[in-house]
Amino acid sequence: MQNNHRLVHIKWLDSRQPTPAWQFVDSTSAHTACNCVSVGFLVHEDKSVKVLAPNLADVDKEDVQASGMITIPVCSITQVTDLSQSPTAIAS
């Protein structure tokens, strides 16, 4: 397997969905950020973002494919944990 992408678990903060209707500002409840977690292969990172892909294909080839990628702003990340990529054999 040629996959050299780190498998990581990222905790990060995101905004909440906008309210669907008009409401009085004084009657709104407390506003908090949404705590999120994502797990995937780190396929790109720079000083502003980390990009995770939960699915990789053609991992034995030079041009690996990915689907389901998510881009997380670095400023929103609260924790990054490396996960083990030790293979586990499946009994047939």
PDB file of N, CA and C in Angstrom:
ATOM      1  N   MET A   1       0.854  -1.189   0.000  1.00  0.00           N
ATOM      2  CA  MET A   1       0.000   0.000   0.000  1.00  0.00           C
ATOM      3  C   MET A   1       0.890   1.238   0.000  1.00  0.00           C
ATOM      4  N   GLN A   2       0.654   2.151  -0.913  1.00  0.00           N
ATOM      5  CA  GLN A   2       1.496   3.316  -1.094  1.00  0.00           C
ATOM      6  C   GLN A   2       0.953   4.553  -0.376  1.00  0.00           C
ATOM      7  N   ASN A   3      -0.140   4.457   0.335  1.00  0.00           N
ATOM      8  CA  ASN A   3      -0.750   5.605   0.999  1.00  0.00           C
ATOM      9  C   ASN A   3       0.181   6.155   2.078  1.00  0.00           C
ATOM     10  N   ASN A   4       0.652   7.377   1.883  1.00  0.00           N
ATOM     11  CA  ASN A   4       1.528   8.019   2.846  1.00  0.00           C
ATOM     12  C   ASN A   4       0.828   9.135   3.610  1.00  0.00           C
ATOM     13  N   HIS A   5      -0.489   9.197   3.513  1.00  0.00           N
ATOM     14  CA  HIS A   5      -1.242  10.244   4.189  1.00  0.00           C
ATOM     15  C   HIS A   5      -1.520   9.838   5.633  1.00  0.00           C
ATOM     16  N   ARG A   6      -1.277  10.780   6.553  1.00  0.00           N
ATOM     17  CA  ARG A   6      -1.524  10.520   7.982  1.00  0.00           C
ATOM     18  C   ARG A   6      -3.022  10.353   8.228  1.00  0.00           C
ATOM     19  N   LEU A   7      -3.374   9.390   9.070  1.00  0.00           N
ATOM     20  CA  LEU A   7      -4.744   9.214   9.523  1.00  0.00           C
ATOM     21  C   LEU A   7      -4.879  10.016  10.815  1.00  0.00           C
ATOM     22  N   VAL A   8      -5.821  10.981  10.843  1.00  0.00           N
ATOM     23  CA  VAL A   8      -5.931  11.877  11.989  1.00  0.00           C
ATOM     24  C   VAL A   8      -7.367  12.033  12.468  1.00  0.00           C
ATOM     25  N   HIS A   9      -7.488  12.440  13.713  1.00  0.00           N
ATOM     26  CA  HIS A   9      -8.755  12.798  14.357  1.00  0.00           C
ATOM     27  C   HIS A   9      -8.627  14.277  14.703  1.00  0.00           C
ATOM     28  N   ILE A  10      -9.541  15.107  14.196  1.00  0.00           N
ATOM     29  CA  ILE A  10      -9.473  16.549  14.420  1.00  0.00           C
ATOM     30  C   ILE A  10     -10.721  17.017  15.160  1.00  0.00           C
ATOM     31  N   LYS A  11     -10.497  17.764  16.249  1.00  0.00           N
ATOM     32  CA  LYS A  11     -11.580  18.452  16.951  1.00  0.00           C
ATOM     33  C   LYS A  11     -11.537  19.902  16.496  1.00  0.00           C
ATOM     34  N   TRP A  12     -12.732  20.445  16.170  1.00  0.00           N
ATOM     35  CA  TRP A  12     -12.767  21.807  15.663  1.00  0.00           C
ATOM     36  C   TRP A  12     -14.106  22.461  15.961  1.00  0.00           C
ATOM     37  N   LEU A  13     -14.129  23.777  15.837  1.00  0.00           N
ATOM     38  CA  LEU A  13     -15.336  24.559  16.107  1.00  0.00           C
ATOM     39  C   LEU A  13     -15.919  25.073  14.801  1.00  0.00           C
ATOM     40  N   ASP A  14     -17.244  25.096  14.732  1.00  0.00           N
ATOM     41  CA  ASP A  14     -17.922  25.596  13.543  1.00  0.00           C
ATOM     42  C   ASP A  14     -19.073  26.491  13.994  1.00  0.00           C
ATOM     43  N   SER A  15     -19.579  27.267  13.066  1.00  0.00           N
ATOM     44  CA  SER A  15     -20.743  28.098  13.369  1.00  0.00           C
ATOM     45  C   SER A  15     -21.996  27.222  13.358  1.00  0.00           C
ATOM     46  N   ARG A  16     -23.021  27.699  14.007  1.00  0.00           N
ATOM     47  CA  ARG A  16     -24.308  26.998  13.995  1.00  0.00           C
ATOM     48  C   ARG A  16     -25.106  27.442  12.777  1.00  0.00           C
ATOM     49  N   GLN A  17     -26.085  26.636  12.419  1.00  0.00           N
ATOM     50  CA  GLN A  17     -26.964  26.963  11.297  1.00  0.00           C
ATOM     51  C   GLN A  17     -27.733  28.250  11.606  1.00  0.00           C
ATOM     52  N   PRO A  18     -27.889  29.116  10.630  1.00  0.00           N
ATOM     53  CA  PRO A  18     -28.667  30.347  10.868  1.00  0.00           C
ATOM     54  C   PRO A  18     -30.106  30.030  11.270  1.00  0.00           C
ATOM     55  N   THR A  19     -30.689  30.910  12.054  1.00  0.00           N
ATOM     56  CA  THR A  19     -32.089  30.719  12.431  1.00  0.00           C
ATOM     57  C   THR A  19     -32.962  30.906  11.201  1.00  0.00           C
ATOM     58  N   PRO A  20     -34.035  30.124  11.068  1.00  0.00           N
ATOM     59  CA  PRO A  20     -34.832  30.135   9.846  1.00  0.00           C
ATOM     60  C   PRO A  20     -35.838  31.285   9.739  1.00  0.00           C
ATOM     61  N   ALA A  21     -36.070  31.999  10.824  1.00  0.00           N
ATOM     62  CA  ALA A  21     -37.108  33.033  10.769  1.00  0.00           C
ATOM     63  C   ALA A  21     -36.663  34.263  11.553  1.00  0.00           C
ATOM     64  N   TRP A  22     -37.378  35.353  11.344  1.00  0.00           N
ATOM     65  CA  TRP A  22     -37.128  36.564  12.111  1.00  0.00           C
ATOM     66  C   TRP A  22     -37.455  36.298  13.571  1.00  0.00           C
ATOM     67  N   GLN A  23     -36.677  36.899  14.463  1.00  0.00           N
ATOM     68  CA  GLN A  23     -36.953  36.794  15.889  1.00  0.00           C
ATOM     69  C   GLN A  23     -36.379  38.020  16.590  1.00  0.00           C
ATOM     70  N   PHE A  24     -36.911  38.303  17.766  1.00  0.00           N
ATOM     71  CA  PHE A  24     -36.420  39.438  18.537  1.00  0.00           C
ATOM     72  C   PHE A  24     -35.073  39.082  19.152  1.00  0.00           C
ATOM     73  N   VAL A  25     -34.110  39.966  19.008  1.00  0.00           N
ATOM     74  CA  VAL A  25     -32.755  39.720  19.505  1.00  0.00           C
ATOM     75  C   VAL A  25     -32.763  39.450  21.003  1.00  0.00           C
ATOM     76  N   ASP A  26     -33.577  40.196  21.754  1.00  0.00           N
ATOM     77  CA  ASP A  26     -33.613  40.028  23.212  1.00  0.00           C
ATOM     78  C   ASP A  26     -34.184  38.684  23.652  1.00  0.00           C
ATOM     79  N   SER A  27     -34.889  37.981  22.768  1.00  0.00           N
ATOM     80  CA  SER A  27     -35.508  36.712  23.168  1.00  0.00           C
ATOM     81  C   SER A  27     -34.714  35.486  22.685  1.00  0.00           C
ATOM     82  N   THR A  28     -33.535  35.698  22.116  1.00  0.00           N
ATOM     83  CA  THR A  28     -32.756  34.556  21.640  1.00  0.00           C
ATOM     84  C   THR A  28     -32.014  33.896  22.798  1.00  0.00           C
ATOM     85  N   SER A  29     -31.748  32.623  22.649  1.00  0.00           N
ATOM     86  CA  SER A  29     -31.021  31.883  23.687  1.00  0.00           C
ATOM     87  C   SER A  29     -29.520  32.129  23.530  1.00  0.00           C
ATOM     88  N   ALA A  30     -28.755  31.589  24.433  1.00  0.00           N
ATOM     89  CA  ALA A  30     -27.296  31.752  24.410  1.00  0.00           C
ATOM     90  C   ALA A  30     -26.723  31.191  23.112  1.00  0.00           C
ATOM     91  N   HIS A  31     -25.790  31.903  22.549  1.00  0.00           N
ATOM     92  CA  HIS A  31     -25.171  31.473  21.297  1.00  0.00           C
ATOM     93  C   HIS A  31     -23.837  30.808  21.597  1.00  0.00           C
ATOM     94  N   THR A  32     -23.641  29.618  21.059  1.00  0.00           N
ATOM     95  CA  THR A  32     -22.379  28.894  21.245  1.00  0.00           C
ATOM     96  C   THR A  32     -21.939  28.330  19.904  1.00  0.00           C
ATOM     97  N   ALA A  33     -20.648  28.104  19.789  1.00  0.00           N
ATOM     98  CA  ALA A  33     -20.122  27.436  18.601  1.00  0.00           C
ATOM     99  C   ALA A  33     -20.466  25.957  18.682  1.00  0.00           C
ATOM    100  N   CYS A  34     -20.416  25.288  17.565  1.00  0.00           N
ATOM    101  CA  CYS A  34     -20.721  23.865  17.474  1.00  0.00           C
ATOM    102  C   CYS A  34     -19.409  23.074  17.551  1.00  0.00           C
ATOM    103  N   ASN A  35     -19.278  22.183  18.537  1.00  0.00           N
ATOM    104  CA  ASN A  35     -18.097  21.323  18.639  1.00  0.00           C
ATOM    105  C   ASN A  35     -18.205  20.201  17.621  1.00  0.00           C
ATOM    106  N   CYS A  36     -17.179  20.054  16.784  1.00  0.00           N
ATOM    107  CA  CYS A  36     -17.186  19.056  15.715  1.00  0.00           C
ATOM    108  C   CYS A  36     -15.980  18.128  15.844  1.00  0.00           C
ATOM    109  N   VAL A  37     -16.107  16.926  15.306  1.00  0.00           N
ATOM    110  CA  VAL A  37     -14.979  16.006  15.188  1.00  0.00           C
ATOM    111  C   VAL A  37     -14.993  15.408  13.789  1.00  0.00           C
ATOM    112  N   SER A  38     -13.809  15.231  13.229  1.00  0.00           N
ATOM    113  CA  SER A  38     -13.669  14.614  11.919  1.00  0.00           C
ATOM    114  C   SER A  38     -12.484  13.665  11.956  1.00  0.00           C
ATOM    115  N   VAL A  39     -12.626  12.543  11.235  1.00  0.00           N
ATOM    116  CA  VAL A  39     -11.554  11.562  11.131  1.00  0.00           C
ATOM    117  C   VAL A  39     -11.317  11.296   9.658  1.00  0.00           C
ATOM    118  N   GLY A  40     -10.050  11.274   9.264  1.00  0.00           N
ATOM    119  CA  GLY A  40      -9.748  10.987   7.869  1.00  0.00           C
ATOM    120  C   GLY A  40      -8.266  11.056   7.589  1.00  0.00           C
ATOM    121  N   PHE A  41      -7.947  10.856   6.321  1.00  0.00           N
ATOM    122  CA  PHE A  41      -6.567  10.947   5.871  1.00  0.00           C
ATOM    123  C   PHE A  41      -6.263  12.401   5.543  1.00  0.00           C
ATOM    124  N   LEU A  42      -5.166  12.914   6.071  1.00  0.00           N
ATOM    125  CA  LEU A  42      -4.764  14.293   5.835  1.00  0.00           C
ATOM    126  C   LEU A  42      -4.131  14.379   4.454  1.00  0.00           C
ATOM    127  N   VAL A  43      -4.914  14.860   3.474  1.00  0.00           N
ATOM    128  CA  VAL A  43      -4.444  14.881   2.086  1.00  0.00           C
ATOM    129  C   VAL A  43      -3.823  16.216   1.691  1.00  0.00           C
ATOM    130  N   HIS A  44      -4.035  17.237   2.521  1.00  0.00           N
ATOM    131  CA  HIS A  44      -3.414  18.535   2.268  1.00  0.00           C
ATOM    132  C   HIS A  44      -3.436  19.338   3.554  1.00  0.00           C
ATOM    133  N   GLU A  45      -2.361  20.102   3.773  1.00  0.00           N
ATOM    134  CA  GLU A  45      -2.360  21.063   4.872  1.00  0.00           C
ATOM    135  C   GLU A  45      -1.419  22.196   4.524  1.00  0.00           C
ATOM    136  N   ASP A  46      -1.815  23.385   4.956  1.00  0.00           N
ATOM    137  CA  ASP A  46      -0.948  24.554   4.845  1.00  0.00           C
ATOM    138  C   ASP A  46      -1.235  25.421   6.060  1.00  0.00           C
ATOM    139  N   LYS A  47      -0.768  26.665   6.056  1.00  0.00           N
ATOM    140  CA  LYS A  47      -0.925  27.493   7.247  1.00  0.00           C
ATOM    141  C   LYS A  47      -2.370  27.913   7.508  1.00  0.00           C
ATOM    142  N   SER A  48      -3.271  27.738   6.531  1.00  0.00           N
ATOM    143  CA  SER A  48      -4.649  28.176   6.736  1.00  0.00           C
ATOM    144  C   SER A  48      -5.687  27.057   6.796  1.00  0.00           C
ATOM    145  N   VAL A  49      -5.413  25.891   6.197  1.00  0.00           N
ATOM    146  CA  VAL A  49      -6.412  24.807   6.183  1.00  0.00           C
ATOM    147  C   VAL A  49      -5.760  23.429   6.334  1.00  0.00           C
ATOM    148  N   LYS A  50      -6.595  22.490   6.765  1.00  0.00           N
ATOM    149  CA  LYS A  50      -6.270  21.064   6.726  1.00  0.00           C
ATOM    150  C   LYS A  50      -7.409  20.403   5.955  1.00  0.00           C
ATOM    151  N   VAL A  51      -7.072  19.510   5.013  1.00  0.00           N
ATOM    152  CA  VAL A  51      -8.075  18.836   4.195  1.00  0.00           C
ATOM    153  C   VAL A  51      -8.035  17.346   4.526  1.00  0.00           C
ATOM    154  N   LEU A  52      -9.194  16.809   4.953  1.00  0.00           N
ATOM    155  CA  LEU A  52      -9.320  15.394   5.285  1.00  0.00           C
ATOM    156  C   LEU A  52     -10.163  14.680   4.246  1.00  0.00           C
ATOM    157  N   ALA A  53      -9.778  13.431   3.968  1.00  0.00           N
ATOM    158  CA  ALA A  53     -10.562  12.567   3.089  1.00  0.00           C
ATOM    159  C   ALA A  53     -10.840  11.271   3.837  1.00  0.00           C
ATOM    160  N   PRO A  54     -12.113  10.914   4.035  1.00  0.00           N
ATOM    161  CA  PRO A  54     -12.423   9.657   4.709  1.00  0.00           C
ATOM    162  C   PRO A  54     -12.257   8.447   3.800  1.00  0.00           C
ATOM    163  N   ASN A  55     -12.212   8.690   2.487  1.00  0.00           N
ATOM    164  CA  ASN A  55     -12.145   7.588   1.518  1.00  0.00           C
ATOM    165  C   ASN A  55     -11.007   7.811   0.532  1.00  0.00           C
ATOM    166  N   LEU A  56     -10.173   6.789   0.372  1.00  0.00           N
ATOM    167  CA  LEU A  56      -9.098   6.816  -0.620  1.00  0.00           C
ATOM    168  C   LEU A  56      -9.240   5.606  -1.531  1.00  0.00           C
ATOM    169  N   ALA A  57      -8.892   5.779  -2.794  1.00  0.00           N
ATOM    170  CA  ALA A  57      -8.933   4.673  -3.761  1.00  0.00           C
ATOM    171  C   ALA A  57      -7.639   4.677  -4.563  1.00  0.00           C
ATOM    172  N   ASP A  58      -7.346   3.556  -5.197  1.00  0.00           N
ATOM    173  CA  ASP A  58      -6.112   3.384  -5.958  1.00  0.00           C
ATOM    174  C   ASP A  58      -4.896   3.675  -5.092  1.00  0.00           C
ATOM    175  N   VAL A  59      -4.938   3.213  -3.836  1.00  0.00           N
ATOM    176  CA  VAL A  59      -3.861   3.498  -2.891  1.00  0.00           C
ATOM    177  C   VAL A  59      -2.555   2.782  -3.242  1.00  0.00           C
ATOM    178  N   ASP A  60      -2.636   1.820  -4.152  1.00  0.00           N
ATOM    179  CA  ASP A  60      -1.433   1.106  -4.576  1.00  0.00           C
ATOM    180  C   ASP A  60      -0.816   1.736  -5.828  1.00  0.00           C
ATOM    181  N   LYS A  61      -1.381   2.863  -6.272  1.00  0.00           N
ATOM    182  CA  LYS A  61      -0.901   3.537  -7.477  1.00  0.00           C
ATOM    183  C   LYS A  61      -0.314   4.894  -7.135  1.00  0.00           C
ATOM    184  N   GLU A  62       0.324   5.517  -8.117  1.00  0.00           N
ATOM    185  CA  GLU A  62       0.936   6.837  -7.937  1.00  0.00           C
ATOM    186  C   GLU A  62      -0.120   7.924  -7.736  1.00  0.00           C
ATOM    187  N   ASP A  63      -1.215   7.867  -8.516  1.00  0.00           N
ATOM    188  CA  ASP A  63      -2.279   8.867  -8.435  1.00  0.00           C
ATOM    189  C   ASP A  63      -3.427   8.350  -7.574  1.00  0.00           C
ATOM    190  N   VAL A  64      -3.365   8.649  -6.272  1.00  0.00           N
ATOM    191  CA  VAL A  64      -4.406   8.231  -5.334  1.00  0.00           C
ATOM    192  C   VAL A  64      -5.630   9.121  -5.538  1.00  0.00           C
ATOM    193  N   GLN A  65      -6.817   8.525  -5.453  1.00  0.00           N
ATOM    194  CA  GLN A  65      -8.071   9.274  -5.545  1.00  0.00           C
ATOM    195  C   GLN A  65      -8.672   9.416  -4.152  1.00  0.00           C
ATOM    196  N   ALA A  66      -9.480  10.468  -3.961  1.00  0.00           N
ATOM    197  CA  ALA A  66     -10.147  10.691  -2.683  1.00  0.00           C
ATOM    198  C   ALA A  66     -11.572  11.167  -2.925  1.00  0.00           C
ATOM    199  N   SER A  67     -12.459  10.835  -1.991  1.00  0.00           N
ATOM    200  CA  SER A  67     -13.833  11.351  -2.050  1.00  0.00           C
ATOM    201  C   SER A  67     -14.268  11.776  -0.651  1.00  0.00           C
ATOM    202  N   GLY A  68     -15.264  12.628  -0.599  1.00  0.00           N
ATOM    203  CA  GLY A  68     -15.814  13.077   0.678  1.00  0.00           C
ATOM    204  C   GLY A  68     -14.900  14.022   1.436  1.00  0.00           C
ATOM    205  N   MET A  69     -14.048  14.762   0.723  1.00  0.00           N
ATOM    206  CA  MET A  69     -13.086  15.639   1.393  1.00  0.00           C
ATOM    207  C   MET A  69     -13.764  16.808   2.099  1.00  0.00           C
ATOM    208  N   ILE A  70     -13.197  17.171   3.244  1.00  0.00           N
ATOM    209  CA  ILE A  70     -13.659  18.334   4.000  1.00  0.00           C
ATOM    210  C   ILE A  70     -12.460  19.236   4.255  1.00  0.00           C
ATOM    211  N   THR A  71     -12.661  20.539   4.094  1.00  0.00           N
ATOM    212  CA  THR A  71     -11.620  21.531   4.342  1.00  0.00           C
ATOM    213  C   THR A  71     -11.940  22.228   5.663  1.00  0.00           C
ATOM    214  N   ILE A  72     -11.009  22.147   6.606  1.00  0.00           N
ATOM    215  CA  ILE A  72     -11.211  22.724   7.938  1.00  0.00           C
ATOM    216  C   ILE A  72     -10.227  23.880   8.119  1.00  0.00           C
ATOM    217  N   PRO A  73     -10.705  25.075   8.430  1.00  0.00           N
ATOM    218  CA  PRO A  73      -9.797  26.192   8.676  1.00  0.00           C
ATOM    219  C   PRO A  73      -8.938  25.926   9.924  1.00  0.00           C
ATOM    220  N   VAL A  74      -7.644  26.172   9.837  1.00  0.00           N
ATOM    221  CA  VAL A  74      -6.737  25.950  10.958  1.00  0.00           C
ATOM    222  C   VAL A  74      -7.170  26.759  12.176  1.00  0.00           C
ATOM    223  N   CYS A  75      -7.691  27.965  11.969  1.00  0.00           N
ATOM    224  CA  CYS A  75      -8.111  28.803  13.096  1.00  0.00           C
ATOM    225  C   CYS A  75      -9.271  28.193  13.882  1.00  0.00           C
ATOM    226  N   SER A  76      -9.979  27.213  13.307  1.00  0.00           N
ATOM    227  CA  SER A  76     -11.101  26.552  13.984  1.00  0.00           C
ATOM    228  C   SER A  76     -10.690  25.278  14.721  1.00  0.00           C
ATOM    229  N   ILE A  77      -9.475  24.807  14.498  1.00  0.00           N
ATOM    230  CA  ILE A  77      -9.020  23.527  15.058  1.00  0.00           C
ATOM    231  C   ILE A  77      -8.572  23.700  16.499  1.00  0.00           C
ATOM    232  N   THR A  78      -9.083  22.817  17.374  1.00  0.00           N
ATOM    233  CA  THR A  78      -8.694  22.843  18.784  1.00  0.00           C
ATOM    234  C   THR A  78      -7.760  21.701  19.146  1.00  0.00           C
ATOM    235  N   GLN A  79      -7.762  20.614  18.346  1.00  0.00           N
ATOM    236  CA  GLN A  79      -6.893  19.469  18.656  1.00  0.00           C
ATOM    237  C   GLN A  79      -6.735  18.579  17.429  1.00  0.00           C
ATOM    238  N   VAL A  80      -5.520  18.064  17.225  1.00  0.00           N
ATOM    239  CA  VAL A  80      -5.240  17.078  16.176  1.00  0.00           C
ATOM    240  C   VAL A  80      -4.556  15.894  16.835  1.00  0.00           C
ATOM    241  N   THR A  81      -5.088  14.692  16.595  1.00  0.00           N
ATOM    242  CA  THR A  81      -4.513  13.466  17.147  1.00  0.00           C
ATOM    243  C   THR A  81      -4.197  12.519  16.008  1.00  0.00           C
ATOM    244  N   ASP A  82      -2.951  12.040  15.952  1.00  0.00           N
ATOM    245  CA  ASP A  82      -2.586  11.028  14.962  1.00  0.00           C
ATOM    246  C   ASP A  82      -3.156   9.688  15.387  1.00  0.00           C
ATOM    247  N   LEU A  83      -3.701   8.938  14.430  1.00  0.00           N
ATOM    248  CA  LEU A  83      -4.267   7.616  14.689  1.00  0.00           C
ATOM    249  C   LEU A  83      -3.378   6.561  14.052  1.00  0.00           C
ATOM    250  N   SER A  84      -3.373   5.386  14.620  1.00  0.00           N
ATOM    251  CA  SER A  84      -2.545   4.293  14.106  1.00  0.00           C
ATOM    252  C   SER A  84      -3.080   3.794  12.769  1.00  0.00           C
ATOM    253  N   GLN A  85      -2.159   3.493  11.870  1.00  0.00           N
ATOM    254  CA  GLN A  85      -2.543   2.907  10.594  1.00  0.00           C
ATOM    255  C   GLN A  85      -2.086   1.453  10.519  1.00  0.00           C
ATOM    256  N   SER A  86      -1.893   0.832  11.672  1.00  0.00           N
ATOM    257  CA  SER A  86      -1.465  -0.557  11.681  1.00  0.00           C
ATOM    258  C   SER A  86      -2.528  -1.429  11.058  1.00  0.00           C
ATOM    259  N   PRO A  87      -2.164  -2.215  10.049  1.00  0.00           N
ATOM    260  CA  PRO A  87      -3.163  -3.073   9.399  1.00  0.00           C
ATOM    261  C   PRO A  87      -3.607  -4.203  10.315  1.00  0.00           C
ATOM    262  N   THR A  88      -4.874  -4.548  10.184  1.00  0.00           N
ATOM    263  CA  THR A  88      -5.453  -5.675  10.902  1.00  0.00           C
ATOM    264  C   THR A  88      -5.945  -6.669   9.884  1.00  0.00           C
ATOM    265  N   ALA A  89      -5.473  -7.903   9.978  1.00  0.00           N
ATOM    266  CA  ALA A  89      -5.878  -8.947   9.046  1.00  0.00           C
ATOM    267  C   ALA A  89      -7.303  -9.386   9.369  1.00  0.00           C
ATOM    268  N   ILE A  90      -8.083  -9.635   8.330  1.00  0.00           N
ATOM    269  CA  ILE A  90      -9.457 -10.133   8.476  1.00  0.00           C
ATOM    270  C   ILE A  90      -9.443 -11.619   8.157  1.00  0.00           C
ATOM    271  N   ALA A  91      -9.919 -12.413   9.094  1.00  0.00           N
ATOM    272  CA  ALA A  91      -9.977 -13.863   8.861  1.00  0.00           C
ATOM    273  C   ALA A  91     -11.068 -14.171   7.862  1.00  0.00           C
ATOM    274  N   SER A  92     -10.769 -15.052   6.911  1.00  0.00           N
ATOM    275  CA  SER A  92     -11.788 -15.403   5.924  1.00  0.00           C
ATOM    276  C   SER A  92     -12.390 -16.748   6.183  1.00  0.00           C
TER     277      SER A  92
END
